[in-house]
Amino acid sequence: MGLSAAPRRRGALLAALSIALSIATVPAHAAGALAVGKCGAYGKAFDYAADAAAVEAARKQCNGDCTTITMRRACAALAIDLLNPCGAHGYAVEPKISSTLNAATRKCYEYGGKECVIRAWACDAKG
């Protein structure tokens, strides 16, 4: 004899609830960072559990004195002047990669770049 419909539904509901609870207790990894230095130096880190860990990882990859920006469920990008990599640059953090790339390139031109190109980018989207 098989189970009646009510116990089967109850069992399916309990299984779905246990799956939902197990997913909810998994720690979110949505911290990222982009370190920006002189002459196109950079470091990037994404999908870390905490901002501090992402910042540390990005700084380890960047040579020299680097400025670090963080991102959470967003994208970051660095644009440099191809004709003078040690000159003008721009960086941005935005929710979507397309707007991030555009904003970083625009800032590079605003700061005097003549032929700005994307040097690095990263998106942090886990969560």
C-alpha atoms as a PDB file:
ATOM      1  CA  MET A   1       0.000   0.000   0.000  1.00  0.00           C
ATOM      2  CA  GLY A   2       1.224   3.493  -0.829  1.00  0.00           C
ATOM      3  CA  LEU A   3       1.063   6.642   1.217  1.00  0.00           C
ATOM      4  CA  SER A   4      -2.012   8.803   0.935  1.00  0.00           C
ATOM      5  CA  ALA A   5      -1.759  12.231  -0.681  1.00  0.00           C
ATOM      6  CA  ALA A   6      -1.628  14.233   2.582  1.00  0.00           C
ATOM      7  CA  PRO A   7       1.475  12.486   4.048  1.00  0.00           C
ATOM      8  CA  ARG A   8       3.255  12.716   0.667  1.00  0.00           C
ATOM      9  CA  ARG A   9       2.567  16.470   0.482  1.00  0.00           C
ATOM     10  CA  ARG A  10       3.703  16.896   4.082  1.00  0.00           C
ATOM     11  CA  GLY A  11       6.911  14.985   3.320  1.00  0.00           C
ATOM     12  CA  ALA A  12       7.589  17.065   0.211  1.00  0.00           C
ATOM     13  CA  LEU A  13       6.957  20.262   2.171  1.00  0.00           C
ATOM     14  CA  LEU A  14       9.370  19.195   4.925  1.00  0.00           C
ATOM     15  CA  ALA A  15      12.036  18.301   2.350  1.00  0.00           C
ATOM     16  CA  ALA A  16      11.655  21.685   0.621  1.00  0.00           C
ATOM     17  CA  LEU A  17      11.782  23.501   3.951  1.00  0.00           C
ATOM     18  CA  SER A  18      14.968  21.706   5.029  1.00  0.00           C
ATOM     19  CA  ILE A  19      16.637  22.573   1.710  1.00  0.00           C
ATOM     20  CA  ALA A  20      15.602  26.228   2.048  1.00  0.00           C
ATOM     21  CA  LEU A  21      16.960  26.396   5.602  1.00  0.00           C
ATOM     22  CA  SER A  22      20.272  24.813   4.617  1.00  0.00           C
ATOM     23  CA  ILE A  23      20.694  27.354   1.810  1.00  0.00           C
ATOM     24  CA  ALA A  24      19.834  30.241   4.142  1.00  0.00           C
ATOM     25  CA  THR A  25      22.539  29.215   6.626  1.00  0.00           C
ATOM     26  CA  VAL A  26      25.355  29.120   4.037  1.00  0.00           C
ATOM     27  CA  PRO A  27      27.553  32.200   4.579  1.00  0.00           C
ATOM     28  CA  ALA A  28      27.313  34.799   1.811  1.00  0.00           C
ATOM     29  CA  HIS A  29      30.521  35.596  -0.051  1.00  0.00           C
ATOM     30  CA  ALA A  30      29.875  38.985  -1.537  1.00  0.00           C
ATOM     31  CA  ALA A  31      32.891  41.113  -0.673  1.00  0.00           C
ATOM     32  CA  GLY A  32      35.345  42.270  -3.283  1.00  0.00           C
ATOM     33  CA  ALA A  33      38.046  44.890  -3.752  1.00  0.00           C
ATOM     34  CA  LEU A  34      40.097  46.571  -6.464  1.00  0.00           C
ATOM     35  CA  ALA A  35      43.489  48.038  -5.561  1.00  0.00           C
ATOM     36  CA  VAL A  36      44.783  50.772  -7.890  1.00  0.00           C
ATOM     37  CA  GLY A  37      48.404  51.937  -7.990  1.00  0.00           C
ATOM     38  CA  LYS A  38      50.759  53.995 -10.144  1.00  0.00           C
ATOM     39  CA  CYS A  39      51.572  53.164 -13.766  1.00  0.00           C
ATOM     40  CA  GLY A  40      48.692  50.732 -14.220  1.00  0.00           C
ATOM     41  CA  ALA A  41      49.432  48.627 -11.137  1.00  0.00           C
ATOM     42  CA  TYR A  42      46.383  46.839  -9.786  1.00  0.00           C
ATOM     43  CA  GLY A  43      45.142  43.944  -7.724  1.00  0.00           C
ATOM     44  CA  LYS A  44      41.670  42.473  -7.537  1.00  0.00           C
ATOM     45  CA  ALA A  45      39.756  40.138  -5.258  1.00  0.00           C
ATOM     46  CA  PHE A  46      36.153  38.979  -5.364  1.00  0.00           C
ATOM     47  CA  ASP A  47      33.734  36.607  -3.643  1.00  0.00           C
ATOM     48  CA  TYR A  48      35.355  36.916  -0.216  1.00  0.00           C
ATOM     49  CA  ALA A  49      33.392  36.529   3.010  1.00  0.00           C
ATOM     50  CA  ALA A  50      34.456  39.936   4.388  1.00  0.00           C
ATOM     51  CA  ASP A  51      35.645  43.313   3.086  1.00  0.00           C
ATOM     52  CA  ALA A  52      38.890  43.173   5.084  1.00  0.00           C
ATOM     53  CA  ALA A  53      39.927  39.870   3.513  1.00  0.00           C
ATOM     54  CA  ALA A  54      39.131  41.139   0.008  1.00  0.00           C
ATOM     55  CA  VAL A  55      41.088  44.364   0.584  1.00  0.00           C
ATOM     56  CA  GLU A  56      44.106  42.431   1.879  1.00  0.00           C
ATOM     57  CA  ALA A  57      44.063  40.059  -1.113  1.00  0.00           C
ATOM     58  CA  ALA A  58      43.777  42.912  -3.623  1.00  0.00           C
ATOM     59  CA  ARG A  59      46.603  44.891  -1.984  1.00  0.00           C
ATOM     60  CA  LYS A  60      48.914  41.863  -2.082  1.00  0.00           C
ATOM     61  CA  GLN A  61      48.593  41.808  -5.880  1.00  0.00           C
ATOM     62  CA  CYS A  62      49.135  45.560  -6.349  1.00  0.00           C
ATOM     63  CA  ASN A  63      52.706  46.891  -6.510  1.00  0.00           C
ATOM     64  CA  GLY A  64      53.542  50.084  -4.619  1.00  0.00           C
ATOM     65  CA  ASP A  65      51.272  52.466  -2.741  1.00  0.00           C
ATOM     66  CA  CYS A  66      47.764  51.457  -3.824  1.00  0.00           C
ATOM     67  CA  THR A  67      44.326  52.905  -3.207  1.00  0.00           C
ATOM     68  CA  THR A  68      41.736  50.226  -2.523  1.00  0.00           C
ATOM     69  CA  ILE A  69      38.038  50.397  -3.269  1.00  0.00           C
ATOM     70  CA  THR A  70      35.517  47.788  -2.164  1.00  0.00           C
ATOM     71  CA  MET A  71      32.511  46.322  -3.931  1.00  0.00           C
ATOM     72  CA  ARG A  72      29.581  44.251  -2.729  1.00  0.00           C
ATOM     73  CA  ARG A  73      27.489  42.516  -5.356  1.00  0.00           C
ATOM     74  CA  ALA A  74      28.831  45.020  -7.859  1.00  0.00           C
ATOM     75  CA  CYS A  75      31.632  45.489 -10.389  1.00  0.00           C
ATOM     76  CA  ALA A  76      34.788  47.611 -10.269  1.00  0.00           C
ATOM     77  CA  ALA A  77      37.009  48.673 -13.166  1.00  0.00           C
ATOM     78  CA  LEU A  78      40.259  50.549 -13.789  1.00  0.00           C
ATOM     79  CA  ALA A  79      40.951  52.460 -16.998  1.00  0.00           C
ATOM     80  CA  ILE A  80      44.396  53.844 -17.906  1.00  0.00           C
ATOM     81  CA  ASP A  81      45.734  56.012 -20.712  1.00  0.00           C
ATOM     82  CA  LEU A  82      47.291  53.624 -23.221  1.00  0.00           C
ATOM     83  CA  LEU A  83      49.643  56.382 -24.465  1.00  0.00           C
ATOM     84  CA  ASN A  84      50.831  57.191 -20.929  1.00  0.00           C
ATOM     85  CA  PRO A  85      50.150  54.366 -18.434  1.00  0.00           C
ATOM     86  CA  CYS A  86      51.746  56.387 -15.635  1.00  0.00           C
ATOM     87  CA  GLY A  87      49.456  59.338 -16.338  1.00  0.00           C
ATOM     88  CA  ALA A  88      45.710  59.723 -16.191  1.00  0.00           C
ATOM     89  CA  HIS A  89      43.527  56.897 -14.954  1.00  0.00           C
ATOM     90  CA  GLY A  90      40.016  56.397 -13.663  1.00  0.00           C
ATOM     91  CA  TYR A  91      38.166  53.779 -11.685  1.00  0.00           C
ATOM     92  CA  ALA A  92      34.553  53.117 -10.787  1.00  0.00           C
ATOM     93  CA  VAL A  93      32.213  50.806  -8.896  1.00  0.00           C
ATOM     94  CA  GLU A  94      28.733  50.226 -10.305  1.00  0.00           C
ATOM     95  CA  PRO A  95      26.055  47.519 -10.064  1.00  0.00           C
ATOM     96  CA  LYS A  96      26.534  46.324 -13.668  1.00  0.00           C
ATOM     97  CA  ILE A  97      29.691  45.642 -15.669  1.00  0.00           C
ATOM     98  CA  SER A  98      28.665  47.791 -18.650  1.00  0.00           C
ATOM     99  CA  SER A  99      28.080  50.916 -16.552  1.00  0.00           C
ATOM    100  CA  THR A 100      31.271  50.213 -14.574  1.00  0.00           C
ATOM    101  CA  LEU A 101      33.456  50.015 -17.685  1.00  0.00           C
ATOM    102  CA  ASN A 102      31.879  53.174 -19.111  1.00  0.00           C
ATOM    103  CA  ALA A 103      32.275  55.132 -15.870  1.00  0.00           C
ATOM    104  CA  ALA A 104      35.940  54.139 -15.412  1.00  0.00           C
ATOM    105  CA  THR A 105      36.767  55.066 -19.012  1.00  0.00           C
ATOM    106  CA  ARG A 106      34.900  58.383 -18.720  1.00  0.00           C
ATOM    107  CA  LYS A 107      36.832  59.270 -15.538  1.00  0.00           C
ATOM    108  CA  CYS A 108      40.138  58.489 -17.244  1.00  0.00           C
ATOM    109  CA  TYR A 109      39.279  60.962 -20.011  1.00  0.00           C
ATOM    110  CA  GLU A 110      38.076  63.537 -17.449  1.00  0.00           C
ATOM    111  CA  TYR A 111      41.482  63.342 -15.739  1.00  0.00           C
ATOM    112  CA  GLY A 112      43.303  64.044 -19.000  1.00  0.00           C
ATOM    113  CA  GLY A 113      43.670  60.650 -20.665  1.00  0.00           C
ATOM    114  CA  LYS A 114      44.032  60.706 -24.466  1.00  0.00           C
ATOM    115  CA  GLU A 115      43.438  57.018 -25.298  1.00  0.00           C
ATOM    116  CA  CYS A 116      41.830  55.377 -22.279  1.00  0.00           C
ATOM    117  CA  VAL A 117      41.433  51.599 -22.127  1.00  0.00           C
ATOM    118  CA  ILE A 118      40.262  49.174 -19.448  1.00  0.00           C
ATOM    119  CA  ARG A 119      43.249  47.725 -17.593  1.00  0.00           C
ATOM    120  CA  ALA A 120      41.376  45.581 -15.053  1.00  0.00           C
ATOM    121  CA  TRP A 121      37.890  44.730 -13.913  1.00  0.00           C
ATOM    122  CA  ALA A 122      36.151  42.385 -11.503  1.00  0.00           C
ATOM    123  CA  CYS A 123      32.595  41.616 -10.487  1.00  0.00           C
ATOM    124  CA  ASP A 124      31.539  40.322  -7.127  1.00  0.00           C
ATOM    125  CA  ALA A 125      28.154  38.684  -7.538  1.00  0.00           C
ATOM    126  CA  LYS A 126      27.875  35.747  -5.151  1.00  0.00           C
ATOM    127  CA  GLY A 127      25.529  36.015  -2.240  1.00  0.00           C
END
